All heavy atoms as atom14 arrays in JSON, in Angstrom:
{
  "sequence": "LSFDEWNVWYHSDNAPYERWSYSPPRLEDIYNFEDALLVGSMLITLL",
  "atom14_mask": [
    [1, 1, 1, 1, 1, 1, 1, 1, 0, 0, 0, 0, 0, 0],
    [1, 1, 1, 1, 1, 1, 0, 0, 0, 0, 0, 0, 0, 0],
    [1, 1, 1, 1, 1, 1, 1, 1, 1, 1, 1, 0, 0, 0],
    [1, 1, 1, 1, 1, 1, 1, 1, 0, 0, 0, 0, 0, 0],
    [1, 1, 1, 1, 1, 1, 1, 1, 1, 0, 0, 0, 0, 0],
    [1, 1, 1, 1, 1, 1, 1, 1, 1, 1, 1, 1, 1, 1],
    [1, 1, 1, 1, 1, 1, 1, 1, 0, 0, 0, 0, 0, 0],
    [1, 1, 1, 1, 1, 1, 1, 0, 0, 0, 0, 0, 0, 0],
    [1, 1, 1, 1, 1, 1, 1, 1, 1, 1, 1, 1, 1, 1],
    [1, 1, 1, 1, 1, 1, 1, 1, 1, 1, 1, 1, 0, 0],
    [1, 1, 1, 1, 1, 1, 1, 1, 1, 1, 0, 0, 0, 0],
    [1, 1, 1, 1, 1, 1, 0, 0, 0, 0, 0, 0, 0, 0],
    [1, 1, 1, 1, 1, 1, 1, 1, 0, 0, 0, 0, 0, 0],
    [1, 1, 1, 1, 1, 1, 1, 1, 0, 0, 0, 0, 0, 0],
    [1, 1, 1, 1, 1, 0, 0, 0, 0, 0, 0, 0, 0, 0],
    [1, 1, 1, 1, 1, 1, 1, 0, 0, 0, 0, 0, 0, 0],
    [1, 1, 1, 1, 1, 1, 1, 1, 1, 1, 1, 1, 0, 0],
    [1, 1, 1, 1, 1, 1, 1, 1, 1, 0, 0, 0, 0, 0],
    [1, 1, 1, 1, 1, 1, 1, 1, 1, 1, 1, 0, 0, 0],
    [1, 1, 1, 1, 1, 1, 1, 1, 1, 1, 1, 1, 1, 1],
    [1, 1, 1, 1, 1, 1, 0, 0, 0, 0, 0, 0, 0, 0],
    [1, 1, 1, 1, 1, 1, 1, 1, 1, 1, 1, 1, 0, 0],
    [1, 1, 1, 1, 1, 1, 0, 0, 0, 0, 0, 0, 0, 0],
    [1, 1, 1, 1, 1, 1, 1, 0, 0, 0, 0, 0, 0, 0],
    [1, 1, 1, 1, 1, 1, 1, 0, 0, 0, 0, 0, 0, 0],
    [1, 1, 1, 1, 1, 1, 1, 1, 1, 1, 1, 0, 0, 0],
    [1, 1, 1, 1, 1, 1, 1, 1, 0, 0, 0, 0, 0, 0],
    [1, 1, 1, 1, 1, 1, 1, 1, 1, 0, 0, 0, 0, 0],
    [1, 1, 1, 1, 1, 1, 1, 1, 0, 0, 0, 0, 0, 0],
    [1, 1, 1, 1, 1, 1, 1, 1, 0, 0, 0, 0, 0, 0],
    [1, 1, 1, 1, 1, 1, 1, 1, 1, 1, 1, 1, 0, 0],
    [1, 1, 1, 1, 1, 1, 1, 1, 0, 0, 0, 0, 0, 0],
    [1, 1, 1, 1, 1, 1, 1, 1, 1, 1, 1, 0, 0, 0],
    [1, 1, 1, 1, 1, 1, 1, 1, 1, 0, 0, 0, 0, 0],
    [1, 1, 1, 1, 1, 1, 1, 1, 0, 0, 0, 0, 0, 0],
    [1, 1, 1, 1, 1, 0, 0, 0, 0, 0, 0, 0, 0, 0],
    [1, 1, 1, 1, 1, 1, 1, 1, 0, 0, 0, 0, 0, 0],
    [1, 1, 1, 1, 1, 1, 1, 1, 0, 0, 0, 0, 0, 0],
    [1, 1, 1, 1, 1, 1, 1, 0, 0, 0, 0, 0, 0, 0],
    [1, 1, 1, 1, 0, 0, 0, 0, 0, 0, 0, 0, 0, 0],
    [1, 1, 1, 1, 1, 1, 0, 0, 0, 0, 0, 0, 0, 0],
    [1, 1, 1, 1, 1, 1, 1, 1, 0, 0, 0, 0, 0, 0],
    [1, 1, 1, 1, 1, 1, 1, 1, 0, 0, 0, 0, 0, 0],
    [1, 1, 1, 1, 1, 1, 1, 1, 0, 0, 0, 0, 0, 0],
    [1, 1, 1, 1, 1, 1, 1, 0, 0, 0, 0, 0, 0, 0],
    [1, 1, 1, 1, 1, 1, 1, 1, 0, 0, 0, 0, 0, 0],
    [1, 1, 1, 1, 1, 1, 1, 1, 0, 0, 0, 0, 0, 0]
  ],
  "atom14_positions": [
    [[-58.61, 78.13, 36.69], [-57.76, 77.11, 37.31], [-57.14, 77.6, 38.61], [-56.79, 78.77, 38.75], [-56.65, 76.69, 36.35], [-57.06, 76.3, 34.92], [-55.84, 75.76, 34.17], [-58.19, 75.3, 34.91], [0.0, 0.0, 0.0], [0.0, 0.0, 0.0], [0.0, 0.0, 0.0], [0.0, 0.0, 0.0], [0.0, 0.0, 0.0], [0.0, 0.0, 0.0]],
    [[-56.98, 76.65, 39.53], [-56.24, 76.88, 40.77], [-55.12, 75.85, 40.83], [-55.37, 74.67, 41.1], [-57.17, 76.73, 41.98], [-56.44, 76.79, 43.19], [0.0, 0.0, 0.0], [0.0, 0.0, 0.0], [0.0, 0.0, 0.0], [0.0, 0.0, 0.0], [0.0, 0.0, 0.0], [0.0, 0.0, 0.0], [0.0, 0.0, 0.0], [0.0, 0.0, 0.0]],
    [[-53.91, 76.28, 40.54], [-52.75, 75.36, 40.55], [-52.22, 75.32, 41.98], [-51.15, 75.86, 42.28], [-51.68, 75.84, 39.57], [-50.95, 74.72, 38.9], [-50.86, 74.65, 37.52], [-50.35, 73.72, 39.63], [-50.19, 73.62, 36.89], [-49.67, 72.68, 39.02], [-49.6, 72.64, 37.63], [0.0, 0.0, 0.0], [0.0, 0.0, 0.0], [0.0, 0.0, 0.0]],
    [[-53.0, 74.64, 42.87], [-52.76, 74.86, 44.29], [-51.75, 73.91, 44.93], [-51.64, 73.88, 46.16], [-54.06, 74.91, 45.08], [-55.04, 73.8, 44.78], [-54.59, 72.64, 44.68], [-56.24, 74.07, 44.65], [0.0, 0.0, 0.0], [0.0, 0.0, 0.0], [0.0, 0.0, 0.0], [0.0, 0.0, 0.0], [0.0, 0.0, 0.0], [0.0, 0.0, 0.0]],
    [[-51.02, 73.14, 44.13], [-49.78, 72.48, 44.6], [-48.83, 72.4, 43.43], [-49.16, 71.82, 42.39], [-50.05, 71.07, 45.15], [-50.69, 71.03, 46.52], [-50.71, 69.62, 47.12], [-49.74, 68.85, 46.87], [-51.68, 69.3, 47.81], [0.0, 0.0, 0.0], [0.0, 0.0, 0.0], [0.0, 0.0, 0.0], [0.0, 0.0, 0.0], [0.0, 0.0, 0.0]],
    [[-47.63, 72.96, 43.61], [-46.6, 72.81, 42.58], [-45.24, 73.07, 43.23], [-45.12, 73.85, 44.15], [-46.83, 73.78, 41.41], [-46.62, 75.24, 41.76], [-47.56, 76.11, 42.24], [-45.4, 75.99, 41.66], [-47.01, 77.35, 42.46], [-45.69, 77.3, 42.1], [-44.11, 75.68, 41.24], [-44.72, 78.31, 42.14], [-43.13, 76.68, 41.28], [-43.45, 77.97, 41.72]],
    [[-44.24, 72.38, 42.74], [-42.86, 72.6, 43.22], [-41.96, 71.51, 42.64], [-42.41, 70.62, 41.91], [-42.79, 72.56, 44.74], [-41.59, 73.32, 45.31], [-40.65, 73.66, 44.59], [-41.63, 73.6, 46.6], [0.0, 0.0, 0.0], [0.0, 0.0, 0.0], [0.0, 0.0, 0.0], [0.0, 0.0, 0.0], [0.0, 0.0, 0.0], [0.0, 0.0, 0.0]],
    [[-40.69, 71.58, 43.02], [-39.75, 70.46, 42.87], [-39.83, 69.65, 44.16], [-39.87, 70.21, 45.25], [-38.32, 70.97, 42.65], [-37.31, 69.82, 42.67], [-38.22, 71.77, 41.35], [0.0, 0.0, 0.0], [0.0, 0.0, 0.0], [0.0, 0.0, 0.0], [0.0, 0.0, 0.0], [0.0, 0.0, 0.0], [0.0, 0.0, 0.0], [0.0, 0.0, 0.0]],
    [[-39.85, 68.31, 44.03], [-39.96, 67.47, 45.23], [-39.36, 66.1, 44.93], [-39.9, 65.36, 44.15], [-41.43, 67.34, 45.65], [-41.69, 66.38, 46.77], [-40.8, 65.83, 47.64], [-42.98, 65.86, 47.15], [-41.44, 65.01, 48.53], [-42.78, 65.01, 48.25], [-44.27, 66.03, 46.65], [-43.83, 64.33, 48.87], [-45.31, 65.36, 47.28], [-45.09, 64.52, 48.38]],
    [[-38.23, 65.79, 45.55], [-37.68, 64.44, 45.44], [-36.47, 64.21, 46.33], [-36.08, 63.07, 46.57], [-37.28, 64.12, 43.99], [-36.03, 64.81, 43.48], [-34.81, 64.12, 43.41], [-36.06, 66.12, 43.04], [-33.67, 64.74, 42.93], [-34.93, 66.74, 42.54], [-33.74, 66.06, 42.49], [-32.61, 66.67, 42.0], [0.0, 0.0, 0.0], [0.0, 0.0, 0.0]],
    [[-35.86, 65.25, 46.86], [-34.6, 65.11, 47.58], [-34.73, 64.31, 48.88], [-33.76, 63.68, 49.31], [-34.01, 66.48, 47.9], [-33.62, 67.28, 46.7], [-32.51, 67.0, 45.94], [-34.21, 68.35, 46.11], [-32.42, 67.87, 44.95], [-33.45, 68.7, 45.02], [0.0, 0.0, 0.0], [0.0, 0.0, 0.0], [0.0, 0.0, 0.0], [0.0, 0.0, 0.0]],
    [[-35.9, 64.34, 49.51], [-36.0, 63.8, 50.87], [-37.09, 62.73, 51.02], [-37.57, 62.48, 52.11], [-36.32, 64.94, 51.85], [-37.56, 65.54, 51.51], [0.0, 0.0, 0.0], [0.0, 0.0, 0.0], [0.0, 0.0, 0.0], [0.0, 0.0, 0.0], [0.0, 0.0, 0.0], [0.0, 0.0, 0.0], [0.0, 0.0, 0.0], [0.0, 0.0, 0.0]],
    [[-37.49, 62.12, 49.93], [-38.63, 61.19, 49.97], [-38.51, 60.1, 51.03], [-39.49, 59.75, 51.68], [-38.79, 60.51, 48.6], [-39.57, 61.38, 47.64], [-40.02, 62.47, 48.07], [-39.73, 61.0, 46.48], [0.0, 0.0, 0.0], [0.0, 0.0, 0.0], [0.0, 0.0, 0.0], [0.0, 0.0, 0.0], [0.0, 0.0, 0.0], [0.0, 0.0, 0.0]],
    [[-37.32, 59.55, 51.2], [-37.17, 58.34, 52.01], [-36.53, 58.59, 53.37], [-36.01, 57.67, 54.0], [-36.36, 57.3, 51.24], [-37.05, 56.89, 49.95], [-38.25, 56.65, 49.94], [-36.29, 56.82, 48.86], [0.0, 0.0, 0.0], [0.0, 0.0, 0.0], [0.0, 0.0, 0.0], [0.0, 0.0, 0.0], [0.0, 0.0, 0.0], [0.0, 0.0, 0.0]],
    [[-36.57, 59.82, 53.84], [-35.98, 60.11, 55.15], [-36.72, 59.35, 56.24], [-37.95, 59.38, 56.31], [-36.04, 61.61, 55.42], [0.0, 0.0, 0.0], [0.0, 0.0, 0.0], [0.0, 0.0, 0.0], [0.0, 0.0, 0.0], [0.0, 0.0, 0.0], [0.0, 0.0, 0.0], [0.0, 0.0, 0.0], [0.0, 0.0, 0.0], [0.0, 0.0, 0.0]],
    [[-36.01, 58.62, 57.11], [-36.69, 57.82, 58.15], [-37.3, 58.7, 59.24], [-36.86, 59.82, 59.48], [-35.54, 56.97, 58.71], [-34.32, 57.78, 58.47], [-34.55, 58.52, 57.17], [0.0, 0.0, 0.0], [0.0, 0.0, 0.0], [0.0, 0.0, 0.0], [0.0, 0.0, 0.0], [0.0, 0.0, 0.0], [0.0, 0.0, 0.0], [0.0, 0.0, 0.0]],
    [[-38.33, 58.2, 59.89], [-38.94, 58.88, 61.02], [-39.63, 57.85, 61.9], [-39.9, 56.73, 61.46], [-39.94, 59.95, 60.55], [-41.22, 59.38, 59.99], [-42.39, 59.35, 60.74], [-41.28, 58.85, 58.7], [-43.56, 58.81, 60.25], [-42.45, 58.31, 58.19], [-43.59, 58.3, 58.97], [-44.74, 57.76, 58.47], [0.0, 0.0, 0.0], [0.0, 0.0, 0.0]],
    [[-39.94, 58.23, 63.12], [-40.61, 57.32, 64.05], [-42.12, 57.45, 63.88], [-42.69, 58.52, 64.07], [-40.21, 57.65, 65.49], [-40.83, 56.7, 66.51], [-40.46, 57.08, 67.94], [-39.55, 57.92, 68.12], [-41.11, 56.54, 68.87], [0.0, 0.0, 0.0], [0.0, 0.0, 0.0], [0.0, 0.0, 0.0], [0.0, 0.0, 0.0], [0.0, 0.0, 0.0]],
    [[-42.77, 56.35, 63.52], [-44.21, 56.37, 63.29], [-44.96, 56.76, 64.56], [-44.61, 56.34, 65.66], [-44.67, 55.0, 62.79], [-46.11, 54.97, 62.25], [-46.34, 53.71, 61.45], [-47.71, 53.57, 60.98], [-48.21, 54.19, 59.91], [-47.43, 54.98, 59.2], [-49.46, 54.01, 59.54], [0.0, 0.0, 0.0], [0.0, 0.0, 0.0], [0.0, 0.0, 0.0]],
    [[-45.96, 57.6, 64.42], [-46.84, 58.14, 65.45], [-46.14, 59.14, 66.37], [-46.66, 59.48, 67.43], [-47.5, 57.03, 66.29], [-48.2, 55.98, 65.5], [-48.05, 54.63, 65.61], [-49.16, 56.17, 64.45], [-48.85, 53.97, 64.7], [-49.55, 54.91, 63.97], [-49.74, 57.3, 63.85], [-50.47, 54.73, 62.95], [-50.66, 57.12, 62.82], [-51.01, 55.85, 62.39]],
    [[-44.97, 59.61, 65.96], [-44.33, 60.67, 66.73], [-44.97, 62.01, 66.4], [-45.79, 62.13, 65.49], [-42.82, 60.69, 66.44], [-42.6, 60.88, 65.05], [0.0, 0.0, 0.0], [0.0, 0.0, 0.0], [0.0, 0.0, 0.0], [0.0, 0.0, 0.0], [0.0, 0.0, 0.0], [0.0, 0.0, 0.0], [0.0, 0.0, 0.0], [0.0, 0.0, 0.0]],
    [[-44.59, 63.04, 67.16], [-45.15, 64.38, 66.98], [-44.26, 65.21, 66.06], [-43.08, 65.39, 66.34], [-45.31, 65.09, 68.33], [-46.34, 64.48, 69.24], [-46.0, 63.44, 70.1], [-47.66, 64.94, 69.24], [-46.95, 62.87, 70.95], [-48.61, 64.38, 70.09], [-48.25, 63.35, 70.93], [-49.19, 62.79, 71.77], [0.0, 0.0, 0.0], [0.0, 0.0, 0.0]],
    [[-44.8, 65.69, 64.99], [-44.14, 66.57, 64.02], [-42.67, 66.19, 63.74], [-41.77, 67.02, 63.91], [-44.21, 68.03, 64.46], [-43.65, 68.24, 65.75], [0.0, 0.0, 0.0], [0.0, 0.0, 0.0], [0.0, 0.0, 0.0], [0.0, 0.0, 0.0], [0.0, 0.0, 0.0], [0.0, 0.0, 0.0], [0.0, 0.0, 0.0], [0.0, 0.0, 0.0]],
    [[-42.41, 64.94, 63.33], [-41.04, 64.58, 62.97], [-40.65, 65.26, 61.67], [-41.51, 65.63, 60.86], [-41.13, 63.06, 62.78], [-42.53, 62.84, 62.3], [-43.37, 63.84, 63.06], [0.0, 0.0, 0.0], [0.0, 0.0, 0.0], [0.0, 0.0, 0.0], [0.0, 0.0, 0.0], [0.0, 0.0, 0.0], [0.0, 0.0, 0.0], [0.0, 0.0, 0.0]],
    [[-39.36, 65.46, 61.43], [-38.94, 66.03, 60.15], [-39.41, 65.15, 58.99], [-39.12, 63.95, 58.96], [-37.42, 66.05, 60.25], [-37.14, 66.05, 61.71], [-38.22, 65.23, 62.33], [0.0, 0.0, 0.0], [0.0, 0.0, 0.0], [0.0, 0.0, 0.0], [0.0, 0.0, 0.0], [0.0, 0.0, 0.0], [0.0, 0.0, 0.0], [0.0, 0.0, 0.0]],
    [[-40.16, 65.71, 58.06], [-40.65, 64.99, 56.9], [-40.49, 65.87, 55.67], [-40.76, 67.06, 55.69], [-42.14, 64.62, 57.03], [-42.54, 63.71, 58.17], [-41.99, 62.29, 58.06], [-42.13, 61.7, 56.75], [-43.22, 61.08, 56.28], [-44.29, 60.99, 57.04], [-43.22, 60.54, 55.08], [0.0, 0.0, 0.0], [0.0, 0.0, 0.0], [0.0, 0.0, 0.0]],
    [[-40.06, 65.26, 54.57], [-40.0, 65.92, 53.26], [-39.22, 67.23, 53.3], [-39.63, 68.24, 52.71], [-41.42, 66.16, 52.72], [-42.38, 64.96, 52.78], [-43.7, 65.32, 52.14], [-41.79, 63.72, 52.14], [0.0, 0.0, 0.0], [0.0, 0.0, 0.0], [0.0, 0.0, 0.0], [0.0, 0.0, 0.0], [0.0, 0.0, 0.0], [0.0, 0.0, 0.0]],
    [[-38.08, 67.21, 53.99], [-37.3, 68.43, 54.14], [-36.24, 68.53, 53.03], [-35.05, 68.37, 53.27], [-36.69, 68.5, 55.54], [-37.76, 68.57, 56.62], [-37.25, 69.0, 57.98], [-36.01, 69.04, 58.19], [-38.09, 69.3, 58.86], [0.0, 0.0, 0.0], [0.0, 0.0, 0.0], [0.0, 0.0, 0.0], [0.0, 0.0, 0.0], [0.0, 0.0, 0.0]],
    [[-36.71, 68.8, 51.84], [-35.82, 68.96, 50.69], [-34.89, 70.15, 50.9], [-35.34, 71.23, 51.3], [-36.62, 69.19, 49.41], [-37.15, 67.9, 48.81], [-37.39, 66.94, 49.57], [-37.34, 67.85, 47.58], [0.0, 0.0, 0.0], [0.0, 0.0, 0.0], [0.0, 0.0, 0.0], [0.0, 0.0, 0.0], [0.0, 0.0, 0.0], [0.0, 0.0, 0.0]],
    [[-33.61, 69.93, 50.63], [-32.66, 71.04, 50.54], [-32.45, 71.3, 49.06], [-31.91, 70.45, 48.33], [-31.33, 70.71, 51.25], [-31.57, 70.42, 52.74], [-30.34, 71.87, 51.08], [-32.18, 71.57, 53.53], [0.0, 0.0, 0.0], [0.0, 0.0, 0.0], [0.0, 0.0, 0.0], [0.0, 0.0, 0.0], [0.0, 0.0, 0.0], [0.0, 0.0, 0.0]],
    [[-32.89, 72.46, 48.6], [-32.92, 72.75, 47.17], [-31.59, 73.27, 46.65], [-30.9, 74.04, 47.32], [-34.03, 73.76, 46.89], [-35.41, 73.16, 47.04], [-36.22, 73.51, 48.11], [-35.87, 72.23, 46.13], [-37.47, 72.95, 48.26], [-37.12, 71.65, 46.28], [-37.92, 72.01, 47.34], [-39.15, 71.45, 47.47], [0.0, 0.0, 0.0], [0.0, 0.0, 0.0]],
    [[-31.26, 72.83, 45.44], [-30.02, 73.28, 44.82], [-30.3, 74.35, 43.76], [-31.43, 74.78, 43.57], [-29.23, 72.09, 44.24], [-30.03, 71.32, 43.2], [-30.83, 71.89, 42.45], [-29.81, 70.01, 43.12], [0.0, 0.0, 0.0], [0.0, 0.0, 0.0], [0.0, 0.0, 0.0], [0.0, 0.0, 0.0], [0.0, 0.0, 0.0], [0.0, 0.0, 0.0]],
    [[-29.25, 74.75, 43.07], [-29.38, 75.87, 42.14], [-30.24, 75.52, 40.93], [-31.05, 76.33, 40.47], [-27.99, 76.34, 41.69], [-28.04, 77.53, 40.78], [-28.62, 78.71, 41.2], [-27.51, 77.46, 39.5], [-28.67, 79.82, 40.35], [-27.56, 78.55, 38.65], [-28.14, 79.73, 39.08], [0.0, 0.0, 0.0], [0.0, 0.0, 0.0], [0.0, 0.0, 0.0]],
    [[-30.11, 74.29, 40.42], [-30.93, 73.95, 39.26], [-32.42, 73.9, 39.63], [-33.28, 74.17, 38.79], [-30.48, 72.64, 38.63], [-30.78, 71.38, 39.42], [-30.43, 70.11, 38.66], [-29.84, 70.22, 37.56], [-30.74, 69.01, 39.16], [0.0, 0.0, 0.0], [0.0, 0.0, 0.0], [0.0, 0.0, 0.0], [0.0, 0.0, 0.0], [0.0, 0.0, 0.0]],
    [[-32.72, 73.58, 40.89], [-34.11, 73.62, 41.34], [-34.66, 75.04, 41.24], [-35.82, 75.25, 40.86], [-34.24, 73.13, 42.78], [-33.84, 71.68, 42.96], [-34.0, 70.89, 42.01], [-33.36, 71.33, 44.06], [0.0, 0.0, 0.0], [0.0, 0.0, 0.0], [0.0, 0.0, 0.0], [0.0, 0.0, 0.0], [0.0, 0.0, 0.0], [0.0, 0.0, 0.0]],
    [[-33.83, 76.01, 41.61], [-34.27, 77.42, 41.54], [-34.56, 77.81, 40.1], [-35.51, 78.56, 39.83], [-33.2, 78.33, 42.14], [0.0, 0.0, 0.0], [0.0, 0.0, 0.0], [0.0, 0.0, 0.0], [0.0, 0.0, 0.0], [0.0, 0.0, 0.0], [0.0, 0.0, 0.0], [0.0, 0.0, 0.0], [0.0, 0.0, 0.0], [0.0, 0.0, 0.0]],
    [[-33.76, 77.33, 39.16], [-34.0, 77.65, 37.75], [-35.32, 77.06, 37.27], [-36.07, 77.7, 36.52], [-32.85, 77.16, 36.88], [-31.49, 77.81, 37.13], [-30.47, 77.3, 36.1], [-31.57, 79.33, 37.07], [0.0, 0.0, 0.0], [0.0, 0.0, 0.0], [0.0, 0.0, 0.0], [0.0, 0.0, 0.0], [0.0, 0.0, 0.0], [0.0, 0.0, 0.0]],
    [[-35.63, 75.83, 37.7], [-36.9, 75.24, 37.27], [-38.08, 75.93, 37.95], [-39.1, 76.18, 37.31], [-36.94, 73.74, 37.56], [-38.22, 73.06, 37.08], [-38.38, 73.2, 35.56], [-38.29, 71.6, 37.46], [0.0, 0.0, 0.0], [0.0, 0.0, 0.0], [0.0, 0.0, 0.0], [0.0, 0.0, 0.0], [0.0, 0.0, 0.0], [0.0, 0.0, 0.0]],
    [[-37.95, 76.25, 39.23], [-39.03, 76.97, 39.92], [-39.3, 78.3, 39.23], [-40.45, 78.68, 39.0], [-38.69, 77.16, 41.41], [-39.57, 78.23, 42.05], [-38.85, 75.84, 42.16], [0.0, 0.0, 0.0], [0.0, 0.0, 0.0], [0.0, 0.0, 0.0], [0.0, 0.0, 0.0], [0.0, 0.0, 0.0], [0.0, 0.0, 0.0], [0.0, 0.0, 0.0]],
    [[-38.25, 79.01, 38.85], [-38.42, 80.26, 38.11], [-39.12, 80.02, 36.78], [-40.02, 80.77, 36.39], [0.0, 0.0, 0.0], [0.0, 0.0, 0.0], [0.0, 0.0, 0.0], [0.0, 0.0, 0.0], [0.0, 0.0, 0.0], [0.0, 0.0, 0.0], [0.0, 0.0, 0.0], [0.0, 0.0, 0.0], [0.0, 0.0, 0.0], [0.0, 0.0, 0.0]],
    [[-38.73, 78.96, 36.09], [-39.34, 78.62, 34.8], [-40.81, 78.23, 34.97], [-41.66, 78.56, 34.13], [-38.57, 77.49, 34.13], [-37.24, 77.86, 33.84], [0.0, 0.0, 0.0], [0.0, 0.0, 0.0], [0.0, 0.0, 0.0], [0.0, 0.0, 0.0], [0.0, 0.0, 0.0], [0.0, 0.0, 0.0], [0.0, 0.0, 0.0], [0.0, 0.0, 0.0]],
    [[-41.12, 77.52, 36.06], [-42.51, 77.14, 36.31], [-43.37, 78.37, 36.59], [-44.52, 78.47, 36.13], [-42.59, 76.15, 37.47], [-41.98, 74.79, 37.15], [-42.0, 73.63, 38.57], [-43.75, 73.15, 38.59], [0.0, 0.0, 0.0], [0.0, 0.0, 0.0], [0.0, 0.0, 0.0], [0.0, 0.0, 0.0], [0.0, 0.0, 0.0], [0.0, 0.0, 0.0]],
    [[-42.84, 79.32, 37.34], [-43.56, 80.56, 37.6], [-43.83, 81.32, 36.3], [-44.92, 81.86, 36.08], [-42.77, 81.44, 38.56], [-42.87, 81.07, 40.04], [-41.73, 81.68, 40.83], [-44.21, 81.51, 40.62], [0.0, 0.0, 0.0], [0.0, 0.0, 0.0], [0.0, 0.0, 0.0], [0.0, 0.0, 0.0], [0.0, 0.0, 0.0], [0.0, 0.0, 0.0]],
    [[-42.83, 81.35, 35.43], [-43.0, 81.99, 34.12], [-44.13, 81.3, 33.35], [-44.98, 81.95, 32.72], [-41.68, 81.95, 33.33], [-40.67, 82.93, 33.93], [-41.92, 82.25, 31.85], [-39.27, 82.8, 33.37], [0.0, 0.0, 0.0], [0.0, 0.0, 0.0], [0.0, 0.0, 0.0], [0.0, 0.0, 0.0], [0.0, 0.0, 0.0], [0.0, 0.0, 0.0]],
    [[-44.17, 79.98, 33.41], [-45.21, 79.22, 32.72], [-46.59, 79.52, 33.27], [-47.55, 79.67, 32.52], [-44.92, 77.71, 32.82], [-43.6, 77.45, 32.31], [-45.93, 76.91, 32.02], [0.0, 0.0, 0.0], [0.0, 0.0, 0.0], [0.0, 0.0, 0.0], [0.0, 0.0, 0.0], [0.0, 0.0, 0.0], [0.0, 0.0, 0.0], [0.0, 0.0, 0.0]],
    [[-46.7, 79.62, 34.6], [-47.99, 79.97, 35.2], [-48.46, 81.34, 34.72], [-49.64, 81.52, 34.39], [-47.88, 79.96, 36.73], [-47.56, 78.62, 37.4], [-47.51, 78.79, 38.92], [-48.56, 77.54, 37.02], [0.0, 0.0, 0.0], [0.0, 0.0, 0.0], [0.0, 0.0, 0.0], [0.0, 0.0, 0.0], [0.0, 0.0, 0.0], [0.0, 0.0, 0.0]],
    [[-47.54, 82.29, 34.64], [-47.91, 83.63, 34.17], [-48.32, 83.63, 32.71], [-49.15, 84.45, 32.29], [-46.76, 84.61, 34.39], [-46.53, 85.1, 35.81], [-45.44, 86.16, 35.84], [-47.8, 85.66, 36.42], [0.0, 0.0, 0.0], [0.0, 0.0, 0.0], [0.0, 0.0, 0.0], [0.0, 0.0, 0.0], [0.0, 0.0, 0.0], [0.0, 0.0, 0.0]]
  ]
}
């Protein structure tokens, strides 16, 4: 298996941006402490 996408993702889903602009800020989640605990737990699960 190649688990080639995994993470926490939901904080920034609806951030507005200008369509057809160059590299606008997209999906810029600011992660909190509970996210770090789940990411650690997910890594443990992968191992």
